[in-house]
Amino acid sequence: MSSYTMLVLAASGESVQRAAHRLRCSVIKLTNSLCGDERYKTTAETMRDFLRAMNAHELRMSAWGLLDIRMSFFNGFLSLTATYPIAILQLTNYL
């Protein structure tokens, strides 16, 4: 897998997770506003069930089920791969 592919996957994963979080916040606000009115009781219960389902099945992108793919993963991978060549170049001056 190329680094560009990993970057695109990480960015898209973060974007989808932010959109899911915004949706969850909007549904919570809507549910709270509907709870006060008796006419929308069944709708509010349906929204609560929807929120429970969203919390039970949180959206995550992972690589082979081992690593969550997020932008922090890509930044960590990039810093790891950049650190070791720099250390090796610095040590070659002493050899």
Protein backbone atom coordinates (compact mmCIF):
# COMPACT_ATOMS: atom_id res chain seq x y z
CA MET A 1 0.00 0.00 0.00
CA SER A 2 1.52 3.32 -1.01
CA SER A 3 1.83 6.27 1.35
CA TYR A 4 -0.55 8.30 -0.84
CA THR A 5 -3.19 5.59 -0.52
CA MET A 6 -2.74 5.56 3.25
CA LEU A 7 -3.07 9.35 3.37
CA VAL A 8 -6.28 9.30 1.32
CA LEU A 9 -7.76 6.50 3.45
CA ALA A 10 -6.85 8.28 6.68
CA ALA A 11 -8.27 11.60 5.50
CA SER A 12 -11.48 10.00 4.28
CA GLY A 13 -11.82 8.03 7.51
CA GLU A 14 -11.48 11.20 9.58
CA SER A 15 -14.00 12.97 7.35
CA VAL A 16 -16.55 10.19 7.72
CA GLN A 17 -16.05 10.06 11.49
CA ARG A 18 -16.54 13.84 11.80
CA ALA A 19 -19.72 13.62 9.71
CA ALA A 20 -21.02 10.78 11.89
CA HIS A 21 -20.26 12.82 15.02
CA ARG A 22 -22.10 15.86 13.63
CA LEU A 23 -25.07 13.63 12.72
CA ARG A 24 -25.10 12.18 16.23
CA CYS A 25 -25.07 15.69 17.76
CA SER A 26 -27.91 16.83 15.49
CA VAL A 27 -30.01 13.78 16.34
CA ILE A 28 -29.42 14.38 20.06
CA LYS A 29 -30.57 17.99 19.73
CA LEU A 30 -33.63 16.94 17.74
CA THR A 31 -34.50 14.22 20.24
CA ASN A 32 -34.18 16.64 23.15
CA SER A 33 -36.48 19.13 21.48
CA LEU A 34 -39.06 16.42 20.67
CA CYS A 35 -39.12 14.94 24.18
CA GLY A 36 -41.07 17.86 25.61
CA ASP A 37 -44.03 17.48 23.24
CA GLU A 38 -46.40 14.57 23.85
CA ARG A 39 -47.43 14.47 20.16
CA TYR A 40 -43.92 13.43 19.11
CA LYS A 41 -43.37 10.78 21.79
CA THR A 42 -43.07 7.87 19.33
CA THR A 43 -40.77 9.89 17.09
CA ALA A 44 -38.53 10.72 20.05
CA GLU A 45 -38.39 7.04 21.01
CA THR A 46 -37.46 6.12 17.45
CA MET A 47 -34.68 8.72 17.50
CA ARG A 48 -33.39 7.29 20.80
CA ASP A 49 -33.31 3.83 19.24
CA PHE A 50 -31.42 5.26 16.28
CA LEU A 51 -28.88 6.83 18.65
CA ARG A 52 -28.45 3.53 20.47
CA ALA A 53 -27.81 1.79 17.16
CA MET A 54 -25.26 4.46 16.18
CA ASN A 55 -23.45 4.05 19.50
CA ALA A 56 -23.49 0.26 19.28
CA HIS A 57 -22.10 0.21 15.74
CA GLU A 58 -19.50 2.96 15.75
CA LEU A 59 -17.96 3.57 12.36
CA ARG A 60 -14.25 2.75 12.20
CA MET A 61 -11.84 2.09 9.40
CA SER A 62 -9.14 -0.42 10.20
CA ALA A 63 -6.33 -2.20 8.44
CA TRP A 64 -6.93 -5.95 8.71
CA GLY A 65 -8.80 -5.35 11.97
CA LEU A 66 -5.55 -4.49 13.76
CA LEU A 67 -4.97 -0.76 13.34
CA ASP A 68 -7.48 2.06 13.20
CA ILE A 69 -6.82 4.21 10.16
CA ARG A 70 -6.88 7.84 11.21
CA MET A 71 -4.84 10.91 10.42
CA SER A 72 -2.91 10.41 13.67
CA PHE A 73 -1.89 6.96 12.39
CA PHE A 74 -0.53 8.47 9.19
CA ASN A 75 1.33 11.22 11.07
CA GLY A 76 2.82 8.64 13.43
CA PHE A 77 3.86 6.41 10.54
CA LEU A 78 5.43 9.34 8.72
CA SER A 79 7.35 10.51 11.77
CA LEU A 80 8.54 6.96 12.45
CA THR A 81 9.81 6.46 8.92
CA ALA A 82 11.48 9.89 8.91
CA THR A 83 13.19 9.52 12.30
CA TYR A 84 15.20 6.39 11.61
CA PRO A 85 16.86 7.53 8.35
CA ILE A 86 17.85 10.80 10.06
CA ALA A 87 19.36 8.89 12.99
CA ILE A 88 21.24 6.59 10.63
CA LEU A 89 22.61 9.57 8.65
CA GLN A 90 23.81 11.20 11.83
CA LEU A 91 25.50 8.01 13.00
CA THR A 92 27.34 7.51 9.69
CA ASN A 93 29.46 10.57 10.51
CA TYR A 94 30.85 8.76 13.56
CA LEU A 95 31.71 5.54 11.74
